[in-house]
Amino acid sequence: MLVDSHCHLDYEPMSADLAGTIARARTAGVGTLLTIGTKLREFDRVRAIAEGHDNVFCSVGIHPHEAAEEPADTKRLVELSRHPKVVGIGECGLDYYYDHSPRDRQAENFRAHIRAASETGLPLIVHTRDADDDMARILTEAKAEGPLKGVLHCFSSSQELAARALALGFYISISGIVTFKNAEALRDVVRTVPLDRLLVETDSPFLAPVPMRGRPCEPAYVAHTAAKVAELKGVGVAELARVTTANFFALFDRAKPPAA
């Protein structure tokens, strides 16, 4: 079965129908979900969702949009990450497209998350938009200082950043953007990423893939993204599901596959 490696189950409308959302995902062949923390002040709600469902895991982190409101503290991130349902640190990173928080504060928060990931051994879940040079530099510096693993989620950046991330041992996660009409540059990137370094995600409730455009996205829709990625990689959908699921559990190694 597929894994939705990045969704936001605490966001509406999914939060109002968790049981239905998870059931529809399973019917669509999506067996595991990773719901993502974006604010520490709302982390209890994220964690509770994961605690309530065997096939749902979560992460702890502060989105770069929130960096001005929530300065990141490595010690606090490490403490919260000790919960067995927490399998990753983030999402965190740099967003220079919206610049909702000052760039220096974004970088400070990002480095705090990197330290937490390095200390815990958990993977870093990275958000990056219009910040390729700084992102590559910070990740390269961090990797030189010690072990670090992670994923660039909802990838929509350049071929160069993808190559640099792969060289650092990171994974690349593909969202419904890959199905959009104007996303040929992203499709070109996907064609170059090795199968064993790919993940798929929805980032729901955002970015519903074709043919679900115009609707709130949900984890079931990752099947459409997976079908497009399989086409681009020249493999069957079942093989794409097998490989990306194996990749997920290799990277997020605290997570365990649900019982059959």
Protein backbone atom coordinates (compact mmCIF):
# COMPACT_ATOMS: atom_id res chain seq x y z
CA MET A 1 0.00 0.00 0.00
CA LEU A 2 1.00 3.62 -0.47
CA VAL A 3 2.15 6.03 2.22
CA ASP A 4 1.07 9.66 2.36
CA SER A 5 4.36 10.95 3.73
CA HIS A 6 3.11 14.48 4.47
CA CYS A 7 -0.42 15.60 5.34
CA HIS A 8 -2.09 17.89 7.87
CA LEU A 9 -4.89 15.91 9.47
CA ASP A 10 -5.41 18.60 12.12
CA TYR A 11 -6.51 21.06 9.41
CA GLU A 12 -10.07 21.43 8.24
CA PRO A 13 -11.95 19.80 6.57
CA MET A 14 -10.09 16.57 7.44
CA SER A 15 -10.09 17.28 11.17
CA ALA A 16 -13.90 17.27 11.13
CA ASP A 17 -14.02 13.78 9.60
CA LEU A 18 -10.88 11.92 10.62
CA ALA A 19 -12.48 8.49 10.52
CA GLY A 20 -13.86 9.08 7.04
CA THR A 21 -10.59 10.59 5.81
CA ILE A 22 -8.57 7.60 7.00
CA ALA A 23 -11.13 5.11 5.67
CA ARG A 24 -11.15 6.73 2.23
CA ALA A 25 -7.36 6.64 2.20
CA ARG A 26 -7.34 2.92 2.94
CA THR A 27 -9.93 2.27 0.23
CA ALA A 28 -7.63 4.12 -2.20
CA GLY A 29 -4.70 1.91 -1.21
CA VAL A 30 -3.03 4.35 1.22
CA GLY A 31 -2.13 2.43 4.36
CA THR A 32 0.07 4.82 6.37
CA LEU A 33 -0.18 8.56 7.00
CA LEU A 34 2.31 11.04 8.46
CA THR A 35 0.56 14.09 9.91
CA ILE A 36 2.88 17.06 10.26
CA GLY A 37 3.47 19.52 13.08
CA THR A 38 3.71 23.18 12.07
CA LYS A 39 3.27 24.98 15.41
CA LEU A 40 4.37 23.82 18.85
CA ARG A 41 1.34 25.52 20.38
CA GLU A 42 -0.86 23.12 18.42
CA PHE A 43 1.33 20.02 18.69
CA ASP A 44 -0.87 18.32 21.31
CA ARG A 45 -3.66 18.13 18.74
CA VAL A 46 -1.34 16.66 16.10
CA ARG A 47 0.02 14.08 18.52
CA ALA A 48 -3.47 13.09 19.68
CA ILE A 49 -4.48 12.28 16.11
CA ALA A 50 -1.49 9.96 15.76
CA GLU A 51 -2.16 8.37 19.15
CA GLY A 52 -5.71 7.58 18.10
CA HIS A 53 -4.87 5.66 14.92
CA ASP A 54 -2.45 2.77 14.49
CA ASN A 55 -1.56 3.75 10.93
CA VAL A 56 -0.95 7.45 11.61
CA PHE A 57 2.37 8.90 12.77
CA CYS A 58 3.34 12.51 13.40
CA SER A 59 6.20 14.99 13.44
CA VAL A 60 7.06 17.93 15.67
CA GLY A 61 8.23 21.25 14.32
CA ILE A 62 7.67 24.90 13.46
CA HIS A 63 6.90 25.93 9.90
CA PRO A 64 9.07 28.79 8.60
CA HIS A 65 5.91 30.92 8.32
CA GLU A 66 5.66 30.70 12.12
CA ALA A 67 9.29 31.48 12.91
CA ALA A 68 8.59 35.05 14.05
CA GLU A 69 5.87 33.88 16.44
CA GLU A 70 7.57 30.72 17.72
CA PRO A 71 11.34 30.79 18.20
CA ALA A 72 12.55 27.20 18.04
CA ASP A 73 14.27 25.64 21.03
CA THR A 74 16.28 22.51 20.30
CA LYS A 75 15.84 21.13 23.80
CA ARG A 76 12.05 21.45 23.61
CA LEU A 77 11.95 19.82 20.18
CA VAL A 78 14.02 16.92 21.49
CA GLU A 79 11.76 16.51 24.52
CA LEU A 80 8.59 16.40 22.41
CA SER A 81 10.17 14.02 19.93
CA ARG A 82 10.57 11.31 22.58
CA HIS A 83 6.95 10.29 22.14
CA PRO A 84 6.88 6.97 20.23
CA LYS A 85 4.44 8.30 17.64
CA VAL A 86 6.81 11.14 16.67
CA VAL A 87 8.91 9.94 13.75
CA GLY A 88 10.37 13.17 12.34
CA ILE A 89 11.49 16.73 13.08
CA GLY A 90 9.66 19.45 11.15
CA GLU A 91 8.32 20.73 9.03
CA CYS A 92 10.94 23.39 9.10
CA GLY A 93 13.03 25.29 6.63
CA LEU A 94 13.03 28.43 4.53
CA ASP A 95 10.25 30.15 2.60
CA TYR A 96 11.36 33.24 0.71
CA TYR A 97 8.28 33.25 -1.53
CA TYR A 98 5.89 34.49 1.15
CA ASP A 99 8.46 35.81 3.67
CA HIS A 100 5.89 35.63 6.46
CA SER A 101 8.81 35.64 8.92
CA PRO A 102 12.14 37.47 8.66
CA ARG A 103 14.72 35.42 6.84
CA ASP A 104 17.24 35.53 9.66
CA ARG A 105 14.63 34.18 12.08
CA GLN A 106 13.72 31.46 9.61
CA ALA A 107 17.36 30.42 9.41
CA GLU A 108 17.76 30.43 13.21
CA ASN A 109 14.71 28.22 13.62
CA PHE A 110 15.84 25.92 10.85
CA ARG A 111 19.22 25.39 12.47
CA ALA A 112 17.54 24.61 15.80
CA HIS A 113 15.52 21.89 14.08
CA ILE A 114 18.66 20.56 12.41
CA ARG A 115 20.32 20.25 15.82
CA ALA A 116 17.28 18.39 17.15
CA ALA A 117 17.31 16.01 14.20
CA SER A 118 21.01 15.38 14.61
CA GLU A 119 20.66 14.77 18.36
CA THR A 120 17.69 12.42 18.07
CA GLY A 121 18.61 10.64 14.86
CA LEU A 122 15.15 11.42 13.49
CA PRO A 123 14.76 12.61 9.90
CA LEU A 124 14.40 16.30 9.12
CA ILE A 125 11.27 17.29 7.18
CA VAL A 126 12.25 20.30 5.09
CA HIS A 127 10.06 22.99 3.55
CA THR A 128 11.90 25.08 0.96
CA ARG A 129 10.54 27.65 -1.47
CA ASP A 130 12.51 30.20 -3.47
CA ALA A 131 15.49 29.69 -1.13
CA ASP A 132 17.63 27.22 -3.07
CA ASP A 133 21.05 28.74 -2.41
CA ASP A 134 20.60 29.25 1.32
CA MET A 135 18.94 25.86 1.69
CA ALA A 136 21.78 24.05 -0.05
CA ARG A 137 24.37 25.96 1.97
CA ILE A 138 22.75 25.32 5.36
CA LEU A 139 22.17 21.62 4.69
CA THR A 140 25.72 21.17 3.39
CA GLU A 141 27.17 22.88 6.45
CA ALA A 142 24.98 20.81 8.78
CA LYS A 143 25.89 17.54 7.10
CA ALA A 144 29.58 18.37 7.45
CA GLU A 145 29.11 18.75 11.20
CA GLY A 146 27.56 15.34 11.80
CA PRO A 147 24.98 12.74 10.79
CA LEU A 148 21.81 14.13 9.27
CA LYS A 149 19.04 12.57 7.21
CA GLY A 150 15.79 13.91 5.89
CA VAL A 151 13.44 14.76 3.06
CA LEU A 152 12.70 17.84 0.98
CA HIS A 153 8.93 17.70 1.06
CA CYS A 154 6.52 18.91 -1.63
CA PHE A 155 9.49 19.44 -3.90
CA SER A 156 9.06 22.23 -6.45
CA SER A 157 12.59 23.61 -6.61
CA SER A 158 15.40 23.37 -9.13
CA GLN A 159 17.22 20.41 -10.58
CA GLU A 160 20.36 21.75 -8.93
CA LEU A 161 18.84 21.72 -5.44
CA ALA A 162 17.50 18.21 -6.01
CA ALA A 163 20.97 17.03 -7.02
CA ARG A 164 22.60 18.65 -4.02
CA ALA A 165 20.04 17.20 -1.63
CA LEU A 166 20.46 13.74 -3.11
CA ALA A 167 24.24 14.05 -2.76
CA LEU A 168 23.70 14.74 0.93
CA GLY A 169 21.64 11.57 1.28
CA PHE A 170 18.25 13.26 1.41
CA TYR A 171 15.03 12.00 -0.10
CA ILE A 172 12.74 13.97 -2.43
CA SER A 173 8.98 13.91 -1.83
CA ILE A 174 6.56 14.64 -4.65
CA SER A 175 3.10 16.16 -4.20
CA GLY A 176 0.14 16.71 -6.51
CA ILE A 177 2.00 19.60 -8.13
CA VAL A 178 3.58 17.01 -10.43
CA THR A 179 0.19 16.56 -12.13
CA PHE A 180 -0.33 20.29 -12.80
CA LYS A 181 -0.30 21.48 -16.41
CA ASN A 182 2.48 24.03 -15.84
CA ALA A 183 4.78 21.70 -13.86
CA GLU A 184 6.94 20.32 -16.66
CA ALA A 185 10.13 21.47 -14.93
CA LEU A 186 9.18 19.42 -11.86
CA ARG A 187 8.37 16.42 -14.04
CA ASP A 188 11.86 16.72 -15.52
CA VAL A 189 13.32 16.62 -12.01
CA VAL A 190 11.26 13.57 -11.08
CA ARG A 191 12.61 11.73 -14.11
CA THR A 192 16.15 12.16 -12.72
CA VAL A 193 15.57 11.22 -9.07
CA PRO A 194 16.47 7.58 -8.34
CA LEU A 195 13.48 5.44 -7.41
CA ASP A 196 15.06 4.53 -4.10
CA ARG A 197 15.09 8.19 -3.03
CA LEU A 198 11.49 9.13 -3.87
CA LEU A 199 8.51 9.61 -1.57
CA VAL A 200 4.97 10.68 -2.42
CA GLU A 201 2.64 12.93 -0.43
CA THR A 202 -0.46 15.09 -0.59
CA ASP A 203 0.39 18.04 1.69
CA SER A 204 -3.37 17.90 2.18
CA PRO A 205 -5.62 19.82 2.46
CA PHE A 206 -3.55 21.74 -0.12
CA LEU A 207 -2.54 21.02 -3.72
CA ALA A 208 -5.14 18.48 -4.82
CA PRO A 209 -3.79 16.64 -7.86
CA VAL A 210 -5.43 16.34 -11.24
CA PRO A 211 -8.23 15.15 -11.57
CA MET A 212 -9.24 16.42 -8.11
CA ARG A 213 -8.28 20.06 -8.64
CA GLY A 214 -10.61 22.52 -6.95
CA ARG A 215 -11.38 20.21 -4.04
CA PRO A 216 -9.75 20.13 -0.61
CA CYS A 217 -6.98 17.57 -0.88
CA GLU A 218 -6.95 14.46 1.33
CA PRO A 219 -4.63 11.47 1.75
CA ALA A 220 -6.61 9.23 -0.61
CA TYR A 221 -5.53 11.49 -3.46
CA VAL A 222 -1.89 10.48 -3.14
CA ALA A 223 -2.87 7.60 -5.41
CA HIS A 224 -3.21 10.08 -8.30
CA THR A 225 0.21 11.55 -7.59
CA ALA A 226 1.74 8.08 -7.38
CA ALA A 227 0.23 7.16 -10.74
CA LYS A 228 1.83 10.21 -12.39
CA VAL A 229 5.21 9.52 -10.76
CA ALA A 230 5.05 5.89 -11.88
CA GLU A 231 4.38 7.06 -15.43
CA LEU A 232 7.35 9.44 -15.31
CA LYS A 233 9.63 6.72 -13.95
CA GLY A 234 8.44 4.10 -16.40
CA VAL A 235 7.29 1.61 -13.77
CA GLY A 236 3.97 0.13 -12.77
CA VAL A 237 1.89 1.74 -10.05
CA ALA A 238 2.26 -1.32 -7.82
CA GLU A 239 6.06 -1.14 -8.11
CA LEU A 240 6.04 2.58 -7.39
CA ALA A 241 3.92 1.94 -4.30
CA ARG A 242 6.23 -0.84 -3.13
CA VAL A 243 9.38 1.22 -3.55
CA THR A 244 8.11 4.50 -2.08
CA THR A 245 6.60 2.67 0.90
CA ALA A 246 9.90 0.90 1.54
CA ASN A 247 11.67 4.26 1.23
CA PHE A 248 9.34 5.82 3.79
CA PHE A 249 9.98 3.16 6.41
CA ALA A 250 13.72 3.22 5.70
CA LEU A 251 13.86 6.98 6.32
CA PHE A 252 11.26 7.19 9.10
CA ASP A 253 12.61 4.13 10.83
CA ARG A 254 10.79 4.71 14.11
CA ALA A 255 7.52 4.14 12.25
CA LYS A 256 6.42 0.54 11.82
CA PRO A 257 4.23 -0.74 8.99
CA PRO A 258 0.63 -1.43 10.04
CA ALA A 259 -0.39 -5.03 10.51
CA ALA A 260 -1.85 -6.56 7.37
